[in-house]
Amino acid sequence: MLVCGLMAAAGVSAQVKADDILGTYRVVQGKDNSKVTFRKSGNGYSCQVVWLENMKEKDGTLRTDKKNPDKAKRSTPSDKIVLIEKVTFDEAKQEWGNGQIYDPTRGKFFKVRISFKDAKTLKVRGSWGPISETVEWTKL
Protein backbone atom coordinates (compact mmCIF):
# COMPACT_ATOMS: atom_id res chain seq x y z
CA MET A 1 0.00 0.00 0.00
CA LEU A 2 2.88 2.34 0.77
CA VAL A 3 4.32 1.76 -2.72
CA CYS A 4 0.96 2.58 -4.33
CA GLY A 5 0.71 5.76 -2.26
CA LEU A 6 4.20 6.85 -3.29
CA MET A 7 3.46 6.14 -6.96
CA ALA A 8 0.23 8.14 -6.76
CA ALA A 9 2.06 11.05 -5.10
CA ALA A 10 4.75 10.98 -7.81
CA GLY A 11 2.06 11.11 -10.50
CA VAL A 12 0.43 14.12 -8.88
CA SER A 13 3.74 15.97 -8.54
CA ALA A 14 4.43 15.36 -12.24
CA GLN A 15 1.16 17.09 -13.16
CA VAL A 16 1.72 20.45 -14.79
CA LYS A 17 -0.24 23.40 -13.42
CA ALA A 18 -1.31 26.33 -15.58
CA ASP A 19 0.97 28.81 -13.79
CA ASP A 20 4.05 26.60 -14.29
CA ILE A 21 4.60 28.44 -17.57
CA LEU A 22 5.24 31.75 -15.79
CA GLY A 23 8.82 32.96 -15.83
CA THR A 24 11.71 33.86 -18.09
CA TYR A 25 13.15 31.61 -20.82
CA ARG A 26 16.25 31.71 -23.00
CA VAL A 27 15.46 31.40 -26.69
CA VAL A 28 18.08 30.63 -29.33
CA GLN A 29 16.67 30.79 -32.85
CA GLY A 30 19.21 30.77 -35.64
CA LYS A 31 21.58 33.66 -34.97
CA ASP A 32 19.23 35.33 -32.48
CA ASN A 33 19.73 34.91 -28.73
CA SER A 34 16.99 36.37 -26.57
CA LYS A 35 15.06 36.11 -23.31
CA VAL A 36 11.28 36.07 -23.11
CA THR A 37 8.91 36.23 -20.17
CA PHE A 38 5.50 34.60 -19.73
CA ARG A 39 2.98 36.58 -17.67
CA LYS A 40 -0.68 36.17 -16.79
CA SER A 41 -2.87 38.06 -19.20
CA GLY A 42 -6.60 38.13 -18.48
CA ASN A 43 -7.79 34.51 -18.51
CA GLY A 44 -4.64 33.26 -20.20
CA TYR A 45 -0.94 33.91 -20.64
CA SER A 46 1.16 36.12 -22.87
CA CYS A 47 4.86 36.11 -23.70
CA GLN A 48 7.04 39.10 -24.51
CA VAL A 49 10.67 39.54 -25.50
CA VAL A 50 12.53 41.22 -22.60
CA TRP A 51 16.13 41.04 -23.84
CA LEU A 52 17.83 40.60 -27.19
CA GLU A 53 21.56 40.01 -27.59
CA ASN A 54 21.88 42.18 -30.66
CA MET A 55 19.63 45.24 -30.37
CA LYS A 56 21.30 47.15 -33.22
CA GLU A 57 21.07 46.92 -36.99
CA LYS A 58 24.28 46.97 -39.07
CA ASP A 59 23.92 50.74 -39.47
CA GLY A 60 23.74 51.21 -35.67
CA THR A 61 20.01 51.94 -35.45
CA LEU A 62 17.78 50.20 -32.93
CA ARG A 63 16.21 46.96 -34.20
CA THR A 64 12.44 47.21 -34.39
CA ASP A 65 9.53 45.00 -35.41
CA LYS A 66 9.76 46.20 -39.03
CA LYS A 67 8.05 43.12 -40.55
CA ASN A 68 4.91 43.33 -38.38
CA PRO A 69 1.79 43.21 -40.58
CA ASP A 70 0.28 45.88 -38.27
CA LYS A 71 2.02 49.06 -39.44
CA ALA A 72 1.37 50.73 -36.04
CA LYS A 73 3.62 48.12 -34.36
CA ARG A 74 6.59 48.37 -36.73
CA SER A 75 8.38 50.87 -34.48
CA THR A 76 8.20 48.54 -31.43
CA PRO A 77 11.74 47.91 -30.13
CA SER A 78 12.81 44.29 -30.59
CA ASP A 79 13.08 43.77 -26.83
CA LYS A 80 9.40 44.69 -26.36
CA ILE A 81 7.73 42.50 -28.99
CA VAL A 82 4.79 40.41 -27.78
CA LEU A 83 5.28 36.92 -29.22
CA ILE A 84 2.32 35.04 -27.73
CA GLU A 85 -1.03 36.36 -26.56
CA LYS A 86 -3.87 34.77 -24.64
CA VAL A 87 -2.90 31.12 -24.66
CA THR A 88 -4.90 29.05 -22.20
CA PHE A 89 -4.05 25.85 -20.33
CA ASP A 90 -5.73 22.55 -21.17
CA GLU A 91 -5.32 20.38 -18.07
CA ALA A 92 -6.34 17.17 -19.86
CA LYS A 93 -3.70 17.65 -22.59
CA GLN A 94 -1.15 19.23 -20.21
CA GLU A 95 -0.50 22.01 -22.72
CA TRP A 96 -1.23 25.63 -23.49
CA GLY A 97 -2.96 26.53 -26.74
CA ASN A 98 -5.91 28.37 -28.30
CA GLY A 99 -3.62 31.23 -29.26
CA GLN A 100 -1.06 32.36 -31.78
CA ILE A 101 2.67 32.89 -31.83
CA TYR A 102 4.20 35.74 -33.74
CA ASP A 103 7.48 35.23 -35.59
CA PRO A 104 9.06 38.69 -35.92
CA THR A 105 11.76 37.39 -38.28
CA ARG A 106 9.04 36.57 -40.83
CA GLY A 107 6.27 38.96 -39.73
CA LYS A 108 3.84 36.02 -39.54
CA PHE A 109 1.43 34.54 -37.01
CA PHE A 110 1.06 30.80 -36.42
CA LYS A 111 -1.21 28.61 -34.32
CA VAL A 112 0.69 27.63 -31.16
CA ARG A 113 0.80 24.70 -28.74
CA ILE A 114 3.12 24.77 -25.75
CA SER A 115 4.10 21.98 -23.35
CA PHE A 116 6.95 21.04 -21.06
CA LYS A 117 9.52 18.53 -22.28
CA ASP A 118 10.93 18.47 -18.74
CA ALA A 119 10.95 20.83 -15.75
CA LYS A 120 13.32 23.30 -17.46
CA THR A 121 12.47 22.92 -21.17
CA LEU A 122 9.41 24.33 -22.88
CA LYS A 123 8.40 22.92 -26.28
CA VAL A 124 6.82 25.62 -28.42
CA ARG A 125 5.15 24.33 -31.58
CA GLY A 126 3.97 26.77 -34.21
CA SER A 127 1.90 25.54 -37.11
CA TRP A 128 0.22 26.80 -40.23
CA GLY A 129 -1.96 24.16 -41.82
CA PRO A 130 0.01 20.90 -42.15
CA ILE A 131 3.38 22.67 -41.70
CA SER A 132 4.78 22.99 -38.19
CA GLU A 133 8.01 23.71 -36.36
CA THR A 134 8.91 22.98 -32.75
CA VAL A 135 11.55 24.92 -30.84
CA GLU A 136 12.72 24.49 -27.27
CA TRP A 137 13.02 27.33 -24.77
CA THR A 138 15.06 26.91 -21.56
CA LYS A 139 13.63 28.23 -18.29
CA LEU A 140 16.01 30.48 -16.36
C-alpha atoms as a PDB file:
ATOM      1  CA  MET A   1       0.000   0.000   0.000  1.00  0.00           C
ATOM      2  CA  LEU A   2       2.885   2.341   0.770  1.00  0.00           C
ATOM      3  CA  VAL A   3       4.318   1.756  -2.716  1.00  0.00           C
ATOM      4  CA  CYS A   4       0.962   2.577  -4.332  1.00  0.00           C
ATOM      5  CA  GLY A   5       0.712   5.757  -2.260  1.00  0.00           C
ATOM      6  CA  LEU A   6       4.205   6.848  -3.294  1.00  0.00           C
ATOM      7  CA  MET A   7       3.463   6.142  -6.955  1.00  0.00           C
ATOM      8  CA  ALA A   8       0.231   8.142  -6.758  1.00  0.00           C
ATOM      9  CA  ALA A   9       2.056  11.051  -5.102  1.00  0.00           C
ATOM     10  CA  ALA A  10       4.751  10.976  -7.808  1.00  0.00           C
ATOM     11  CA  GLY A  11       2.065  11.113 -10.500  1.00  0.00           C
ATOM     12  CA  VAL A  12       0.429  14.120  -8.876  1.00  0.00           C
ATOM     13  CA  SER A  13       3.740  15.967  -8.535  1.00  0.00           C
ATOM     14  CA  ALA A  14       4.425  15.356 -12.244  1.00  0.00           C
ATOM     15  CA  GLN A  15       1.156  17.093 -13.161  1.00  0.00           C
ATOM     16  CA  VAL A  16       1.721  20.452 -14.785  1.00  0.00           C
ATOM     17  CA  LYS A  17      -0.240  23.404 -13.420  1.00  0.00           C
ATOM     18  CA  ALA A  18      -1.309  26.334 -15.584  1.00  0.00           C
ATOM     19  CA  ASP A  19       0.974  28.813 -13.795  1.00  0.00           C
ATOM     20  CA  ASP A  20       4.048  26.597 -14.293  1.00  0.00           C
ATOM     21  CA  ILE A  21       4.603  28.436 -17.568  1.00  0.00           C
ATOM     22  CA  LEU A  22       5.236  31.747 -15.788  1.00  0.00           C
ATOM     23  CA  GLY A  23       8.824  32.958 -15.828  1.00  0.00           C
ATOM     24  CA  THR A  24      11.710  33.861 -18.089  1.00  0.00           C
ATOM     25  CA  TYR A  25      13.149  31.613 -20.819  1.00  0.00           C
ATOM     26  CA  ARG A  26      16.247  31.710 -23.000  1.00  0.00           C
ATOM     27  CA  VAL A  27      15.462  31.405 -26.691  1.00  0.00           C
ATOM     28  CA  VAL A  28      18.079  30.632 -29.332  1.00  0.00           C
ATOM     29  CA  GLN A  29      16.668  30.792 -32.848  1.00  0.00           C
ATOM     30  CA  GLY A  30      19.208  30.770 -35.640  1.00  0.00           C
ATOM     31  CA  LYS A  31      21.585  33.656 -34.974  1.00  0.00           C
ATOM     32  CA  ASP A  32      19.228  35.330 -32.477  1.00  0.00           C
ATOM     33  CA  ASN A  33      19.727  34.915 -28.729  1.00  0.00           C
ATOM     34  CA  SER A  34      16.987  36.370 -26.567  1.00  0.00           C
ATOM     35  CA  LYS A  35      15.058  36.110 -23.315  1.00  0.00           C
ATOM     36  CA  VAL A  36      11.280  36.070 -23.114  1.00  0.00           C
ATOM     37  CA  THR A  37       8.911  36.232 -20.169  1.00  0.00           C
ATOM     38  CA  PHE A  38       5.503  34.599 -19.731  1.00  0.00           C
ATOM     39  CA  ARG A  39       2.979  36.577 -17.669  1.00  0.00           C
ATOM     40  CA  LYS A  40      -0.676  36.174 -16.791  1.00  0.00           C
ATOM     41  CA  SER A  41      -2.874  38.064 -19.203  1.00  0.00           C
ATOM     42  CA  GLY A  42      -6.600  38.127 -18.476  1.00  0.00           C
ATOM     43  CA  ASN A  43      -7.792  34.508 -18.505  1.00  0.00           C
ATOM     44  CA  GLY A  44      -4.643  33.262 -20.198  1.00  0.00           C
ATOM     45  CA  TYR A  45      -0.943  33.913 -20.640  1.00  0.00           C
ATOM     46  CA  SER A  46       1.159  36.117 -22.875  1.00  0.00           C
ATOM     47  CA  CYS A  47       4.858  36.113 -23.702  1.00  0.00           C
ATOM     48  CA  GLN A  48       7.039  39.102 -24.511  1.00  0.00           C
ATOM     49  CA  VAL A  49      10.673  39.537 -25.497  1.00  0.00           C
ATOM     50  CA  VAL A  50      12.526  41.216 -22.603  1.00  0.00           C
ATOM     51  CA  TRP A  51      16.129  41.043 -23.844  1.00  0.00           C
ATOM     52  CA  LEU A  52      17.829  40.599 -27.192  1.00  0.00           C
ATOM     53  CA  GLU A  53      21.557  40.008 -27.588  1.00  0.00           C
ATOM     54  CA  ASN A  54      21.881  42.180 -30.663  1.00  0.00           C
ATOM     55  CA  MET A  55      19.628  45.240 -30.373  1.00  0.00           C
ATOM     56  CA  LYS A  56      21.304  47.155 -33.220  1.00  0.00           C
ATOM     57  CA  GLU A  57      21.070  46.919 -36.986  1.00  0.00           C
ATOM     58  CA  LYS A  58      24.285  46.970 -39.068  1.00  0.00           C
ATOM     59  CA  ASP A  59      23.916  50.738 -39.472  1.00  0.00           C
ATOM     60  CA  GLY A  60      23.740  51.208 -35.672  1.00  0.00           C
ATOM     61  CA  THR A  61      20.008  51.945 -35.453  1.00  0.00           C
ATOM     62  CA  LEU A  62      17.779  50.197 -32.927  1.00  0.00           C
ATOM     63  CA  ARG A  63      16.212  46.964 -34.200  1.00  0.00           C
ATOM     64  CA  THR A  64      12.439  47.208 -34.390  1.00  0.00           C
ATOM     65  CA  ASP A  65       9.528  44.997 -35.413  1.00  0.00           C
ATOM     66  CA  LYS A  66       9.761  46.202 -39.027  1.00  0.00           C
ATOM     67  CA  LYS A  67       8.054  43.121 -40.550  1.00  0.00           C
ATOM     68  CA  ASN A  68       4.912  43.327 -38.384  1.00  0.00           C
ATOM     69  CA  PRO A  69       1.789  43.209 -40.576  1.00  0.00           C
ATOM     70  CA  ASP A  70       0.277  45.879 -38.267  1.00  0.00           C
ATOM     71  CA  LYS A  71       2.016  49.064 -39.436  1.00  0.00           C
ATOM     72  CA  ALA A  72       1.371  50.725 -36.044  1.00  0.00           C
ATOM     73  CA  LYS A  73       3.619  48.118 -34.364  1.00  0.00           C
ATOM     74  CA  ARG A  74       6.590  48.372 -36.730  1.00  0.00           C
ATOM     75  CA  SER A  75       8.384  50.873 -34.479  1.00  0.00           C
ATOM     76  CA  THR A  76       8.201  48.543 -31.435  1.00  0.00           C
ATOM     77  CA  PRO A  77      11.741  47.911 -30.134  1.00  0.00           C
ATOM     78  CA  SER A  78      12.815  44.287 -30.590  1.00  0.00           C
ATOM     79  CA  ASP A  79      13.080  43.767 -26.829  1.00  0.00           C
ATOM     80  CA  LYS A  80       9.398  44.695 -26.359  1.00  0.00           C
ATOM     81  CA  ILE A  81       7.730  42.504 -28.987  1.00  0.00           C
ATOM     82  CA  VAL A  82       4.791  40.410 -27.777  1.00  0.00           C
ATOM     83  CA  LEU A  83       5.275  36.918 -29.223  1.00  0.00           C
ATOM     84  CA  ILE A  84       2.316  35.044 -27.725  1.00  0.00           C
ATOM     85  CA  GLU A  85      -1.033  36.358 -26.559  1.00  0.00           C
ATOM     86  CA  LYS A  86      -3.871  34.767 -24.638  1.00  0.00           C
ATOM     87  CA  VAL A  87      -2.900  31.118 -24.660  1.00  0.00           C
ATOM     88  CA  THR A  88      -4.898  29.046 -22.196  1.00  0.00           C
ATOM     89  CA  PHE A  89      -4.054  25.850 -20.332  1.00  0.00           C
ATOM     90  CA  ASP A  90      -5.733  22.545 -21.166  1.00  0.00           C
ATOM     91  CA  GLU A  91      -5.317  20.382 -18.074  1.00  0.00           C
ATOM     92  CA  ALA A  92      -6.336  17.169 -19.862  1.00  0.00           C
ATOM     93  CA  LYS A  93      -3.700  17.654 -22.589  1.00  0.00           C
ATOM     94  CA  GLN A  94      -1.148  19.227 -20.208  1.00  0.00           C
ATOM     95  CA  GLU A  95      -0.497  22.009 -22.719  1.00  0.00           C
ATOM     96  CA  TRP A  96      -1.232  25.628 -23.487  1.00  0.00           C
ATOM     97  CA  GLY A  97      -2.959  26.534 -26.737  1.00  0.00           C
ATOM     98  CA  ASN A  98      -5.905  28.372 -28.303  1.00  0.00           C
ATOM     99  CA  GLY A  99      -3.623  31.226 -29.258  1.00  0.00           C
ATOM    100  CA  GLN A 100      -1.062  32.361 -31.776  1.00  0.00           C
ATOM    101  CA  ILE A 101       2.674  32.889 -31.825  1.00  0.00           C
ATOM    102  CA  TYR A 102       4.200  35.743 -33.742  1.00  0.00           C
ATOM    103  CA  ASP A 103       7.482  35.233 -35.588  1.00  0.00           C
ATOM    104  CA  PRO A 104       9.056  38.691 -35.922  1.00  0.00           C
ATOM    105  CA  THR A 105      11.757  37.388 -38.278  1.00  0.00           C
ATOM    106  CA  ARG A 106       9.038  36.574 -40.828  1.00  0.00           C
ATOM    107  CA  GLY A 107       6.271  38.963 -39.731  1.00  0.00           C
ATOM    108  CA  LYS A 108       3.840  36.021 -39.544  1.00  0.00           C
ATOM    109  CA  PHE A 109       1.430  34.544 -37.006  1.00  0.00           C
ATOM    110  CA  PHE A 110       1.065  30.802 -36.420  1.00  0.00           C
ATOM    111  CA  LYS A 111      -1.213  28.609 -34.323  1.00  0.00           C
ATOM    112  CA  VAL A 112       0.688  27.626 -31.162  1.00  0.00           C
ATOM    113  CA  ARG A 113       0.803  24.700 -28.735  1.00  0.00           C
ATOM    114  CA  ILE A 114       3.122  24.765 -25.747  1.00  0.00           C
ATOM    115  CA  SER A 115       4.100  21.976 -23.351  1.00  0.00           C
ATOM    116  CA  PHE A 116       6.946  21.043 -21.064  1.00  0.00           C
ATOM    117  CA  LYS A 117       9.522  18.532 -22.279  1.00  0.00           C
ATOM    118  CA  ASP A 118      10.931  18.466 -18.742  1.00  0.00           C
ATOM    119  CA  ALA A 119      10.951  20.829 -15.745  1.00  0.00           C
ATOM    120  CA  LYS A 120      13.320  23.298 -17.459  1.00  0.00           C
ATOM    121  CA  THR A 121      12.468  22.920 -21.167  1.00  0.00           C
ATOM    122  CA  LEU A 122       9.412  24.329 -22.879  1.00  0.00           C
ATOM    123  CA  LYS A 123       8.399  22.915 -26.279  1.00  0.00           C
ATOM    124  CA  VAL A 124       6.825  25.618 -28.420  1.00  0.00           C
ATOM    125  CA  ARG A 125       5.148  24.335 -31.581  1.00  0.00           C
ATOM    126  CA  GLY A 126       3.973  26.774 -34.206  1.00  0.00           C
ATOM    127  CA  SER A 127       1.898  25.538 -37.109  1.00  0.00           C
ATOM    128  CA  TRP A 128       0.224  26.799 -40.230  1.00  0.00           C
ATOM    129  CA  GLY A 129      -1.961  24.157 -41.823  1.00  0.00           C
ATOM    130  CA  PRO A 130       0.010  20.901 -42.151  1.00  0.00           C
ATOM    131  CA  ILE A 131       3.379  22.667 -41.701  1.00  0.00           C
ATOM    132  CA  SER A 132       4.782  22.989 -38.191  1.00  0.00           C
ATOM    133  CA  GLU A 133       8.006  23.713 -36.362  1.00  0.00           C
ATOM    134  CA  THR A 134       8.908  22.979 -32.748  1.00  0.00           C
ATOM    135  CA  VAL A 135      11.545  24.922 -30.837  1.00  0.00           C
ATOM    136  CA  GLU A 136      12.724  24.493 -27.265  1.00  0.00           C
ATOM    137  CA  TRP A 137      13.019  27.326 -24.767  1.00  0.00           C
ATOM    138  CA  THR A 138      15.063  26.907 -21.558  1.00  0.00           C
ATOM    139  CA  LYS A 139      13.631  28.226 -18.287  1.00  0.00           C
ATOM    140  CA  LEU A 140      16.010  30.484 -16.358  1.00  0.00           C
END
